[in-house]
Amino acid sequence: MKPFLRLFITTICLFFCLNQTALAQLSSVFGPDKTVAQQRQAILDKSESILKQLYQAQPKSKDLIAKSAGYATFSNFGMKILIAGGGTGSGVVVNKRTGKKVYMDMAEVQAGLGFGIKSFQNIFVFQNEAAMNEFINSGWTFGGQVTAAAKYESDGEAFQDATVVSAGVLMYQLTDSGLAAEITGKGTRYYKDTDLNK
């Protein structure tokens, strides 16, 4: 066996031996014994928890979401080992006008040197239904890193620390340390969960 390959395998084994929580999070968050209804409820409960965390970190976001056409919350788990990494997650899009909920998944691929685990939550705020439907139906892909400051057109006020990630779509990102100053999501794809939307 080549030295690099042996080192890589040893590193992975050691990593998982020392990180029992990593093993738990890598497995399905729902478990094979849960029904579709239970899986949906787990996502809704997590969504409520994410919103509470957001409102604590940025109280003014509550007003922004209240005035929106809809919002989405995603709970993501990512891992990077040496030169490659990725992440998975699940979430829900809520149409504020109709109350309809669309359950979605996300997948993330990253490249570059690194090592470690990070969990984070993404909150999308949709300014209009067209932007929300585009996000839901087009298998929306977040293709880069966005750090631009978003502004209200009417009065020039900031979007309560949210970041514009596409036309009509704002985003917050929460990490273990609180509200992220810079939004990252390179190579992340959001798409409908076929099983949970039947």
N, C-alpha and C. Protein backbone atom coordinates (compact mmCIF):
# COMPACT_ATOMS: atom_id res chain seq x y z
N MET A 1 0.84 -1.19 0.00
CA MET A 1 0.00 0.00 0.00
C MET A 1 0.89 1.25 0.00
N LYS A 2 0.54 2.21 -0.81
CA LYS A 2 1.32 3.44 -0.90
C LYS A 2 1.23 4.21 0.41
N PRO A 3 2.34 4.88 0.81
CA PRO A 3 2.36 5.61 2.08
C PRO A 3 1.23 6.64 2.20
N PHE A 4 0.96 7.36 1.11
CA PHE A 4 -0.07 8.39 1.18
C PHE A 4 -1.45 7.78 1.42
N LEU A 5 -1.74 6.68 0.73
CA LEU A 5 -3.02 6.01 0.89
C LEU A 5 -3.16 5.45 2.31
N ARG A 6 -2.06 4.88 2.84
CA ARG A 6 -2.08 4.34 4.20
C ARG A 6 -2.35 5.47 5.21
N LEU A 7 -1.70 6.61 4.99
CA LEU A 7 -1.89 7.75 5.88
C LEU A 7 -3.33 8.25 5.81
N PHE A 8 -3.87 8.28 4.61
CA PHE A 8 -5.23 8.77 4.41
C PHE A 8 -6.24 7.89 5.14
N ILE A 9 -6.10 6.57 4.98
CA ILE A 9 -7.01 5.62 5.63
C ILE A 9 -6.87 5.68 7.14
N THR A 10 -5.63 5.77 7.61
CA THR A 10 -5.39 5.85 9.05
C THR A 10 -6.01 7.11 9.64
N THR A 11 -5.86 8.21 8.91
CA THR A 11 -6.42 9.48 9.36
C THR A 11 -7.92 9.40 9.50
N ILE A 12 -8.58 8.83 8.50
CA ILE A 12 -10.03 8.70 8.54
C ILE A 12 -10.47 7.84 9.72
N CYS A 13 -9.82 6.69 9.90
CA CYS A 13 -10.17 5.80 10.99
C CYS A 13 -9.99 6.48 12.34
N LEU A 14 -8.87 7.17 12.51
CA LEU A 14 -8.60 7.86 13.76
C LEU A 14 -9.62 8.97 14.00
N PHE A 15 -9.97 9.65 12.92
CA PHE A 15 -10.92 10.75 13.01
C PHE A 15 -12.26 10.28 13.55
N PHE A 16 -12.76 9.16 12.99
CA PHE A 16 -14.05 8.66 13.41
C PHE A 16 -14.00 8.01 14.79
N CYS A 17 -12.88 7.42 15.13
CA CYS A 17 -12.75 6.83 16.46
C CYS A 17 -12.81 7.91 17.54
N LEU A 18 -12.27 9.07 17.22
CA LEU A 18 -12.23 10.16 18.20
C LEU A 18 -13.47 11.04 18.15
N ASN A 19 -14.30 10.83 17.16
CA ASN A 19 -15.48 11.69 17.00
C ASN A 19 -16.74 10.84 16.87
N GLN A 20 -17.26 10.40 17.99
CA GLN A 20 -18.47 9.59 17.98
C GLN A 20 -19.66 10.39 17.46
N THR A 21 -19.68 11.68 17.74
CA THR A 21 -20.79 12.49 17.26
C THR A 21 -20.77 12.58 15.75
N ALA A 22 -19.59 12.51 15.16
CA ALA A 22 -19.51 12.55 13.70
C ALA A 22 -20.20 11.35 13.09
N LEU A 23 -19.99 10.19 13.69
CA LEU A 23 -20.64 8.99 13.19
C LEU A 23 -22.15 9.10 13.30
N ALA A 24 -22.61 9.66 14.41
CA ALA A 24 -24.05 9.78 14.61
C ALA A 24 -24.67 10.73 13.61
N GLN A 25 -23.96 11.84 13.33
CA GLN A 25 -24.51 12.82 12.42
C GLN A 25 -24.41 12.39 10.97
N LEU A 26 -23.42 11.57 10.65
CA LEU A 26 -23.32 11.09 9.29
C LEU A 26 -24.44 10.13 8.94
N SER A 27 -24.94 9.39 9.93
CA SER A 27 -26.07 8.52 9.67
C SER A 27 -27.31 9.37 9.48
N SER A 28 -28.36 8.79 8.97
CA SER A 28 -29.60 9.53 8.71
C SER A 28 -30.09 10.19 9.99
N VAL A 29 -30.50 11.44 9.87
CA VAL A 29 -31.00 12.14 11.05
C VAL A 29 -32.36 11.61 11.46
N PHE A 30 -32.99 10.90 10.59
CA PHE A 30 -34.32 10.39 10.89
C PHE A 30 -34.29 8.95 11.38
N GLY A 31 -33.40 8.15 10.84
CA GLY A 31 -33.37 6.73 11.21
C GLY A 31 -34.31 5.94 10.32
N PRO A 32 -33.98 4.68 10.06
CA PRO A 32 -34.76 3.88 9.14
C PRO A 32 -36.14 3.50 9.67
N ASP A 33 -36.36 3.65 10.98
CA ASP A 33 -37.62 3.20 11.56
C ASP A 33 -38.68 4.29 11.62
N LYS A 34 -38.38 5.49 11.15
CA LYS A 34 -39.34 6.58 11.22
C LYS A 34 -40.19 6.67 9.96
N THR A 35 -41.45 6.99 10.15
CA THR A 35 -42.37 7.11 9.03
C THR A 35 -42.15 8.44 8.32
N VAL A 36 -42.77 8.59 7.16
CA VAL A 36 -42.68 9.86 6.41
C VAL A 36 -43.23 11.00 7.27
N ALA A 37 -44.35 10.75 7.93
CA ALA A 37 -44.95 11.79 8.78
C ALA A 37 -44.01 12.20 9.90
N GLN A 38 -43.32 11.24 10.49
CA GLN A 38 -42.36 11.53 11.56
C GLN A 38 -41.15 12.29 11.04
N GLN A 39 -40.71 11.95 9.84
CA GLN A 39 -39.59 12.65 9.23
C GLN A 39 -39.97 14.11 8.95
N ARG A 40 -41.17 14.31 8.42
CA ARG A 40 -41.64 15.69 8.17
C ARG A 40 -41.68 16.48 9.47
N GLN A 41 -42.23 15.86 10.52
CA GLN A 41 -42.34 16.57 11.80
C GLN A 41 -40.99 16.90 12.37
N ALA A 42 -40.02 16.00 12.19
CA ALA A 42 -38.66 16.27 12.67
C ALA A 42 -38.07 17.49 11.97
N ILE A 43 -38.32 17.62 10.67
CA ILE A 43 -37.83 18.78 9.92
C ILE A 43 -38.52 20.05 10.39
N LEU A 44 -39.84 19.99 10.62
CA LEU A 44 -40.58 21.16 11.08
C LEU A 44 -40.12 21.60 12.47
N ASP A 45 -39.87 20.62 13.35
CA ASP A 45 -39.37 20.94 14.69
C ASP A 45 -38.01 21.61 14.61
N LYS A 46 -37.14 21.09 13.72
CA LYS A 46 -35.82 21.67 13.54
C LYS A 46 -35.92 23.07 12.95
N SER A 47 -36.86 23.26 12.03
CA SER A 47 -37.06 24.57 11.42
C SER A 47 -37.45 25.60 12.47
N GLU A 48 -38.33 25.22 13.36
CA GLU A 48 -38.75 26.13 14.44
C GLU A 48 -37.57 26.48 15.34
N SER A 49 -36.73 25.49 15.62
CA SER A 49 -35.55 25.72 16.45
C SER A 49 -34.57 26.66 15.77
N ILE A 50 -34.39 26.48 14.45
CA ILE A 50 -33.47 27.33 13.69
C ILE A 50 -33.95 28.78 13.70
N LEU A 51 -35.25 28.98 13.51
CA LEU A 51 -35.80 30.34 13.52
C LEU A 51 -35.59 31.01 14.88
N LYS A 52 -35.77 30.26 15.95
CA LYS A 52 -35.54 30.81 17.29
C LYS A 52 -34.10 31.24 17.45
N GLN A 53 -33.18 30.41 16.96
CA GLN A 53 -31.75 30.76 17.04
C GLN A 53 -31.46 32.03 16.24
N LEU A 54 -32.08 32.12 15.06
CA LEU A 54 -31.87 33.30 14.21
C LEU A 54 -32.40 34.55 14.89
N TYR A 55 -33.60 34.48 15.44
CA TYR A 55 -34.20 35.64 16.08
C TYR A 55 -33.39 36.10 17.30
N GLN A 56 -32.75 35.16 17.96
CA GLN A 56 -31.88 35.53 19.09
C GLN A 56 -30.61 36.21 18.60
N ALA A 57 -30.05 35.69 17.51
CA ALA A 57 -28.81 36.24 16.96
C ALA A 57 -29.04 37.56 16.24
N GLN A 58 -30.20 37.68 15.56
CA GLN A 58 -30.53 38.88 14.82
C GLN A 58 -32.03 39.14 14.97
N PRO A 59 -32.43 39.83 16.04
CA PRO A 59 -33.85 40.06 16.32
C PRO A 59 -34.64 40.70 15.18
N LYS A 60 -33.99 41.58 14.41
CA LYS A 60 -34.70 42.26 13.34
C LYS A 60 -35.05 41.35 12.17
N SER A 61 -34.45 40.16 12.13
CA SER A 61 -34.76 39.22 11.05
C SER A 61 -36.20 38.74 11.14
N LYS A 62 -36.78 38.77 12.33
CA LYS A 62 -38.16 38.32 12.51
C LYS A 62 -39.11 39.18 11.69
N ASP A 63 -38.88 40.47 11.68
CA ASP A 63 -39.72 41.39 10.92
C ASP A 63 -39.51 41.18 9.42
N LEU A 64 -38.29 40.92 9.01
CA LEU A 64 -37.98 40.68 7.59
C LEU A 64 -38.71 39.44 7.09
N ILE A 65 -38.69 38.37 7.89
CA ILE A 65 -39.36 37.13 7.50
C ILE A 65 -40.88 37.30 7.53
N ALA A 66 -41.38 38.08 8.49
CA ALA A 66 -42.82 38.31 8.60
C ALA A 66 -43.37 39.00 7.36
N LYS A 67 -42.55 39.86 6.74
CA LYS A 67 -42.98 40.61 5.56
C LYS A 67 -42.67 39.89 4.25
N SER A 68 -42.05 38.72 4.33
CA SER A 68 -41.60 38.01 3.12
C SER A 68 -42.74 37.19 2.50
N ALA A 69 -42.47 36.71 1.27
CA ALA A 69 -43.41 35.80 0.61
C ALA A 69 -43.29 34.40 1.18
N GLY A 70 -42.12 34.10 1.72
CA GLY A 70 -41.88 32.77 2.30
C GLY A 70 -40.45 32.66 2.76
N TYR A 71 -40.15 31.54 3.35
CA TYR A 71 -38.79 31.33 3.86
C TYR A 71 -38.46 29.84 3.81
N ALA A 72 -37.18 29.53 3.95
CA ALA A 72 -36.73 28.14 4.01
C ALA A 72 -35.67 28.02 5.09
N THR A 73 -35.67 26.90 5.77
CA THR A 73 -34.64 26.62 6.77
C THR A 73 -34.00 25.28 6.43
N PHE A 74 -32.68 25.21 6.56
CA PHE A 74 -31.94 23.98 6.30
C PHE A 74 -30.95 23.74 7.42
N SER A 75 -30.87 22.51 7.85
CA SER A 75 -29.87 22.10 8.82
C SER A 75 -28.84 21.26 8.08
N ASN A 76 -27.60 21.71 8.08
CA ASN A 76 -26.55 21.08 7.28
C ASN A 76 -25.45 20.52 8.15
N PHE A 77 -24.87 19.43 7.70
CA PHE A 77 -23.73 18.82 8.38
C PHE A 77 -22.64 18.62 7.35
N GLY A 78 -21.48 19.21 7.60
CA GLY A 78 -20.38 19.10 6.63
C GLY A 78 -19.13 18.52 7.25
N MET A 79 -18.32 17.92 6.41
CA MET A 79 -17.07 17.33 6.87
C MET A 79 -16.01 17.50 5.79
N LYS A 80 -14.79 17.78 6.21
CA LYS A 80 -13.68 17.87 5.26
C LYS A 80 -12.50 17.08 5.80
N ILE A 81 -11.96 16.21 4.97
CA ILE A 81 -10.78 15.43 5.33
C ILE A 81 -9.72 15.63 4.25
N LEU A 82 -8.63 16.29 4.64
CA LEU A 82 -7.50 16.55 3.74
C LEU A 82 -7.92 17.35 2.51
N ILE A 83 -8.09 16.71 1.35
CA ILE A 83 -8.27 17.48 0.12
C ILE A 83 -9.70 17.52 -0.39
N ALA A 84 -10.62 16.88 0.27
CA ALA A 84 -11.99 16.88 -0.23
C ALA A 84 -12.96 16.90 0.94
N GLY A 85 -14.16 17.32 0.66
CA GLY A 85 -15.16 17.37 1.70
C GLY A 85 -16.54 17.49 1.11
N GLY A 86 -17.53 17.50 1.97
CA GLY A 86 -18.89 17.61 1.50
C GLY A 86 -19.84 17.75 2.66
N GLY A 87 -21.11 17.76 2.34
CA GLY A 87 -22.10 17.91 3.38
C GLY A 87 -23.46 17.49 2.88
N THR A 88 -24.33 17.20 3.82
CA THR A 88 -25.70 16.86 3.49
C THR A 88 -26.61 17.60 4.45
N GLY A 89 -27.87 17.70 4.09
CA GLY A 89 -28.81 18.36 4.97
C GLY A 89 -30.22 18.24 4.46
N SER A 90 -31.14 18.73 5.25
CA SER A 90 -32.55 18.70 4.88
C SER A 90 -33.21 19.97 5.38
N GLY A 91 -34.37 20.27 4.81
CA GLY A 91 -35.06 21.47 5.23
C GLY A 91 -36.44 21.57 4.64
N VAL A 92 -37.05 22.74 4.83
CA VAL A 92 -38.42 22.95 4.35
C VAL A 92 -38.58 24.38 3.88
N VAL A 93 -39.35 24.54 2.81
CA VAL A 93 -39.71 25.86 2.31
C VAL A 93 -41.17 26.10 2.70
N VAL A 94 -41.45 27.25 3.28
CA VAL A 94 -42.80 27.58 3.73
C VAL A 94 -43.32 28.77 2.96
N ASN A 95 -44.45 28.60 2.26
CA ASN A 95 -45.12 29.68 1.56
C ASN A 95 -45.98 30.43 2.57
N LYS A 96 -45.66 31.69 2.84
CA LYS A 96 -46.37 32.44 3.86
C LYS A 96 -47.83 32.70 3.49
N ARG A 97 -48.13 32.83 2.21
CA ARG A 97 -49.49 33.14 1.78
C ARG A 97 -50.40 31.92 1.88
N THR A 98 -49.93 30.77 1.41
CA THR A 98 -50.77 29.58 1.36
C THR A 98 -50.54 28.62 2.53
N GLY A 99 -49.39 28.76 3.19
CA GLY A 99 -49.04 27.83 4.25
C GLY A 99 -48.47 26.51 3.75
N LYS A 100 -48.34 26.37 2.43
CA LYS A 100 -47.83 25.12 1.86
C LYS A 100 -46.37 24.93 2.24
N LYS A 101 -46.03 23.68 2.52
CA LYS A 101 -44.65 23.33 2.88
C LYS A 101 -44.06 22.37 1.84
N VAL A 102 -42.86 22.67 1.39
CA VAL A 102 -42.14 21.80 0.46
C VAL A 102 -40.86 21.35 1.13
N TYR A 103 -40.70 20.04 1.25
CA TYR A 103 -39.53 19.48 1.91
C TYR A 103 -38.41 19.29 0.90
N MET A 104 -37.19 19.68 1.32
CA MET A 104 -36.08 19.67 0.39
C MET A 104 -34.83 19.09 1.04
N ASP A 105 -33.88 18.70 0.18
CA ASP A 105 -32.59 18.21 0.63
C ASP A 105 -31.50 19.11 0.07
N MET A 106 -30.31 18.99 0.62
CA MET A 106 -29.18 19.71 0.06
C MET A 106 -27.97 18.79 0.03
N ALA A 107 -27.09 19.06 -0.92
CA ALA A 107 -25.83 18.33 -1.03
C ALA A 107 -24.74 19.33 -1.36
N GLU A 108 -23.58 19.14 -0.76
CA GLU A 108 -22.49 20.10 -0.90
C GLU A 108 -21.18 19.37 -1.20
N VAL A 109 -20.42 19.92 -2.13
CA VAL A 109 -19.11 19.36 -2.44
C VAL A 109 -18.09 20.48 -2.33
N GLN A 110 -17.02 20.22 -1.59
CA GLN A 110 -15.97 21.21 -1.42
C GLN A 110 -14.62 20.61 -1.77
N ALA A 111 -13.71 21.46 -2.18
CA ALA A 111 -12.34 21.03 -2.47
C ALA A 111 -11.38 21.95 -1.73
N GLY A 112 -10.17 21.47 -1.53
CA GLY A 112 -9.18 22.27 -0.83
C GLY A 112 -8.72 21.60 0.44
N LEU A 113 -7.55 21.97 0.89
CA LEU A 113 -6.99 21.36 2.09
C LEU A 113 -7.80 21.75 3.32
N GLY A 114 -7.97 20.78 4.20
CA GLY A 114 -8.70 21.06 5.43
C GLY A 114 -8.98 19.78 6.17
N PHE A 115 -9.45 19.95 7.38
CA PHE A 115 -9.75 18.78 8.21
C PHE A 115 -10.71 19.22 9.30
N GLY A 116 -11.81 18.52 9.43
CA GLY A 116 -12.72 18.86 10.51
C GLY A 116 -14.18 18.70 10.14
N ILE A 117 -15.02 19.01 11.10
CA ILE A 117 -16.46 18.88 10.96
C ILE A 117 -17.08 20.23 11.31
N LYS A 118 -18.12 20.59 10.59
CA LYS A 118 -18.87 21.76 11.00
C LYS A 118 -20.35 21.55 10.68
N SER A 119 -21.17 22.00 11.59
CA SER A 119 -22.60 21.97 11.36
C SER A 119 -23.07 23.42 11.29
N PHE A 120 -24.03 23.68 10.43
CA PHE A 120 -24.52 25.03 10.30
C PHE A 120 -25.95 25.00 9.77
N GLN A 121 -26.64 26.11 9.95
CA GLN A 121 -28.02 26.24 9.50
C GLN A 121 -28.13 27.40 8.52
N ASN A 122 -28.86 27.17 7.45
CA ASN A 122 -29.10 28.21 6.45
C ASN A 122 -30.56 28.61 6.47
N ILE A 123 -30.81 29.91 6.42
CA ILE A 123 -32.17 30.42 6.36
C ILE A 123 -32.28 31.30 5.12
N PHE A 124 -33.20 30.95 4.23
CA PHE A 124 -33.45 31.74 3.03
C PHE A 124 -34.74 32.52 3.22
N VAL A 125 -34.73 33.77 2.78
CA VAL A 125 -35.93 34.61 2.84
C VAL A 125 -36.26 35.03 1.41
N PHE A 126 -37.50 34.74 1.00
CA PHE A 126 -37.92 35.01 -0.37
C PHE A 126 -38.78 36.28 -0.42
N GLN A 127 -38.34 37.24 -1.22
CA GLN A 127 -39.06 38.50 -1.31
C GLN A 127 -40.32 38.42 -2.16
N ASN A 128 -40.39 37.42 -3.00
CA ASN A 128 -41.59 37.24 -3.82
C ASN A 128 -41.77 35.75 -4.15
N GLU A 129 -42.99 35.40 -4.58
CA GLU A 129 -43.28 33.99 -4.84
C GLU A 129 -42.52 33.46 -6.05
N ALA A 130 -42.24 34.33 -7.02
CA ALA A 130 -41.50 33.90 -8.21
C ALA A 130 -40.12 33.38 -7.81
N ALA A 131 -39.44 34.13 -6.93
CA ALA A 131 -38.12 33.71 -6.47
C ALA A 131 -38.21 32.42 -5.66
N MET A 132 -39.26 32.30 -4.86
CA MET A 132 -39.44 31.09 -4.06
C MET A 132 -39.71 29.87 -4.95
N ASN A 133 -40.56 30.02 -5.93
CA ASN A 133 -40.87 28.91 -6.83
C ASN A 133 -39.67 28.51 -7.67
N GLU A 134 -38.86 29.49 -8.04
CA GLU A 134 -37.63 29.19 -8.78
C GLU A 134 -36.69 28.35 -7.93
N PHE A 135 -36.58 28.72 -6.66
CA PHE A 135 -35.74 27.98 -5.72
C PHE A 135 -36.22 26.54 -5.58
N ILE A 136 -37.52 26.36 -5.46
CA ILE A 136 -38.11 25.04 -5.24
C ILE A 136 -38.02 24.16 -6.49
N ASN A 137 -38.39 24.70 -7.61
CA ASN A 137 -38.62 23.88 -8.80
C ASN A 137 -37.42 23.70 -9.72
N SER A 138 -36.38 24.50 -9.53
CA SER A 138 -35.27 24.45 -10.48
C SER A 138 -34.04 23.73 -9.94
N GLY A 139 -34.16 23.05 -8.79
CA GLY A 139 -32.98 22.40 -8.24
C GLY A 139 -31.88 23.41 -8.01
N TRP A 140 -32.18 24.46 -7.27
CA TRP A 140 -31.35 25.64 -7.13
C TRP A 140 -29.94 25.29 -6.65
N THR A 141 -28.96 25.88 -7.28
CA THR A 141 -27.56 25.65 -6.93
C THR A 141 -26.90 26.95 -6.49
N PHE A 142 -26.24 26.88 -5.35
CA PHE A 142 -25.49 28.01 -4.83
C PHE A 142 -24.07 27.84 -5.32
N GLY A 143 -23.66 28.67 -6.28
CA GLY A 143 -22.41 28.41 -6.97
C GLY A 143 -21.20 29.12 -6.48
N GLY A 144 -21.29 29.91 -5.43
CA GLY A 144 -20.10 30.64 -5.02
C GLY A 144 -20.19 31.16 -3.61
N GLN A 145 -19.28 32.02 -3.26
CA GLN A 145 -19.26 32.64 -1.95
C GLN A 145 -19.70 34.08 -2.10
N VAL A 146 -20.66 34.48 -1.28
CA VAL A 146 -21.25 35.80 -1.43
C VAL A 146 -21.00 36.59 -0.15
N THR A 147 -20.48 37.79 -0.29
CA THR A 147 -20.24 38.63 0.88
C THR A 147 -20.78 40.05 0.67
N ALA A 148 -21.54 40.24 -0.38
CA ALA A 148 -22.05 41.57 -0.70
C ALA A 148 -23.05 42.04 0.35
N ALA A 149 -23.05 43.34 0.64
CA ALA A 149 -24.01 43.91 1.57
C ALA A 149 -25.28 44.24 0.81
N ALA A 150 -26.39 43.72 1.28
CA ALA A 150 -27.67 43.97 0.62
C ALA A 150 -28.31 45.22 1.21
N LYS A 151 -29.02 45.97 0.37
CA LYS A 151 -29.66 47.21 0.82
C LYS A 151 -31.12 47.24 0.36
N TYR A 152 -31.96 47.84 1.20
CA TYR A 152 -33.33 48.09 0.77
C TYR A 152 -33.31 49.18 -0.29
N GLU A 153 -34.09 48.99 -1.35
CA GLU A 153 -34.13 50.01 -2.40
C GLU A 153 -34.88 51.25 -1.93
N SER A 154 -35.87 51.05 -1.04
CA SER A 154 -36.73 52.15 -0.65
C SER A 154 -36.05 53.16 0.27
N ASP A 155 -35.34 52.66 1.28
CA ASP A 155 -34.79 53.60 2.25
C ASP A 155 -33.32 53.40 2.55
N GLY A 156 -32.69 52.45 1.86
CA GLY A 156 -31.26 52.30 2.02
C GLY A 156 -30.82 51.54 3.26
N GLU A 157 -31.79 51.03 4.05
CA GLU A 157 -31.42 50.28 5.25
C GLU A 157 -30.90 48.91 4.87
N ALA A 158 -30.02 48.39 5.70
CA ALA A 158 -29.48 47.05 5.43
C ALA A 158 -30.58 46.01 5.62
N PHE A 159 -30.44 44.89 4.94
CA PHE A 159 -31.40 43.79 5.05
C PHE A 159 -31.19 43.03 6.35
N GLN A 160 -31.08 43.73 7.45
CA GLN A 160 -30.96 43.11 8.77
C GLN A 160 -29.86 42.05 8.81
N ASP A 161 -28.73 42.36 8.18
CA ASP A 161 -27.57 41.48 8.14
C ASP A 161 -27.75 40.24 7.25
N ALA A 162 -28.83 40.20 6.48
CA ALA A 162 -28.99 39.13 5.50
C ALA A 162 -28.17 39.47 4.27
N THR A 163 -27.90 38.47 3.46
CA THR A 163 -27.09 38.65 2.26
C THR A 163 -27.90 38.24 1.03
N VAL A 164 -27.82 39.02 -0.03
CA VAL A 164 -28.49 38.66 -1.27
C VAL A 164 -27.68 37.57 -1.96
N VAL A 165 -28.32 36.42 -2.22
CA VAL A 165 -27.62 35.33 -2.89
C VAL A 165 -28.12 35.12 -4.31
N SER A 166 -29.29 35.66 -4.63
CA SER A 166 -29.80 35.71 -6.00
C SER A 166 -30.97 36.68 -6.00
N ALA A 167 -31.51 36.96 -7.18
CA ALA A 167 -32.59 37.94 -7.29
C ALA A 167 -33.79 37.52 -6.44
N GLY A 168 -34.15 38.36 -5.47
CA GLY A 168 -35.30 38.09 -4.63
C GLY A 168 -35.06 37.09 -3.52
N VAL A 169 -33.81 36.66 -3.32
CA VAL A 169 -33.50 35.66 -2.29
C VAL A 169 -32.42 36.19 -1.36
N LEU A 170 -32.74 36.26 -0.08
CA LEU A 170 -31.79 36.67 0.95
C LEU A 170 -31.43 35.44 1.78
N MET A 171 -30.31 35.52 2.46
CA MET A 171 -29.85 34.35 3.21
C MET A 171 -29.14 34.75 4.49
N TYR A 172 -29.41 33.98 5.55
CA TYR A 172 -28.66 34.04 6.79
C TYR A 172 -27.96 32.69 6.95
N GLN A 173 -26.85 32.68 7.62
CA GLN A 173 -26.17 31.43 7.94
C GLN A 173 -25.76 31.46 9.41
N LEU A 174 -26.18 30.43 10.14
CA LEU A 174 -25.84 30.30 11.55
C LEU A 174 -24.81 29.19 11.73
N THR A 175 -23.82 29.44 12.55
CA THR A 175 -22.83 28.43 12.88
C THR A 175 -22.87 28.21 14.40
N ASP A 176 -22.01 27.35 14.89
CA ASP A 176 -21.96 27.10 16.33
C ASP A 176 -21.63 28.35 17.12
N SER A 177 -20.96 29.30 16.48
CA SER A 177 -20.57 30.52 17.19
C SER A 177 -21.54 31.68 16.97
N GLY A 178 -22.63 31.43 16.22
CA GLY A 178 -23.61 32.48 16.01
C GLY A 178 -23.82 32.82 14.55
N LEU A 179 -24.27 34.04 14.29
CA LEU A 179 -24.56 34.49 12.94
C LEU A 179 -23.27 34.68 12.16
N ALA A 180 -23.17 34.05 10.99
CA ALA A 180 -21.95 34.13 10.18
C ALA A 180 -21.86 35.49 9.51
N ALA A 181 -20.68 36.08 9.55
CA ALA A 181 -20.46 37.38 8.92
C ALA A 181 -20.38 37.24 7.40
N GLU A 182 -19.88 36.11 6.94
CA GLU A 182 -19.76 35.85 5.50
C GLU A 182 -20.50 34.57 5.15
N ILE A 183 -21.29 34.64 4.09
CA ILE A 183 -22.06 33.48 3.65
C ILE A 183 -21.20 32.61 2.74
N THR A 184 -21.14 31.33 3.04
CA THR A 184 -20.43 30.40 2.17
C THR A 184 -21.37 29.27 1.78
N GLY A 185 -21.21 28.79 0.56
CA GLY A 185 -22.05 27.70 0.10
C GLY A 185 -21.64 27.19 -1.25
N LYS A 186 -20.38 27.32 -1.56
CA LYS A 186 -19.90 26.96 -2.88
C LYS A 186 -20.19 25.50 -3.21
N GLY A 187 -20.78 25.28 -4.38
CA GLY A 187 -21.06 23.93 -4.82
C GLY A 187 -22.21 23.25 -4.09
N THR A 188 -23.13 24.05 -3.52
CA THR A 188 -24.25 23.48 -2.79
C THR A 188 -25.50 23.48 -3.64
N ARG A 189 -26.18 22.34 -3.68
CA ARG A 189 -27.40 22.20 -4.47
C ARG A 189 -28.58 21.90 -3.56
N TYR A 190 -29.68 22.58 -3.79
CA TYR A 190 -30.91 22.37 -3.04
C TYR A 190 -31.96 21.80 -3.99
N TYR A 191 -32.66 20.76 -3.56
CA TYR A 191 -33.61 20.10 -4.46
C TYR A 191 -34.72 19.42 -3.65
N LYS A 192 -35.86 19.19 -4.29
CA LYS A 192 -37.03 18.60 -3.63
C LYS A 192 -36.72 17.17 -3.14
N ASP A 193 -37.27 16.84 -2.01
CA ASP A 193 -37.21 15.47 -1.48
C ASP A 193 -38.44 14.74 -2.02
N THR A 194 -38.23 13.82 -2.94
CA THR A 194 -39.33 13.13 -3.60
C THR A 194 -40.21 12.37 -2.61
N ASP A 195 -39.61 11.67 -1.68
CA ASP A 195 -40.37 10.84 -0.74
C ASP A 195 -41.23 11.68 0.21
N LEU A 196 -40.67 12.78 0.70
CA LEU A 196 -41.38 13.57 1.71
C LEU A 196 -42.44 14.49 1.12
N ASN A 197 -42.46 14.64 -0.20
CA ASN A 197 -43.46 15.51 -0.84
C ASN A 197 -44.56 14.74 -1.55
N LYS A 198 -44.65 13.44 -1.29
CA LYS A 198 -45.71 12.65 -1.91
C LYS A 198 -47.05 12.98 -1.29
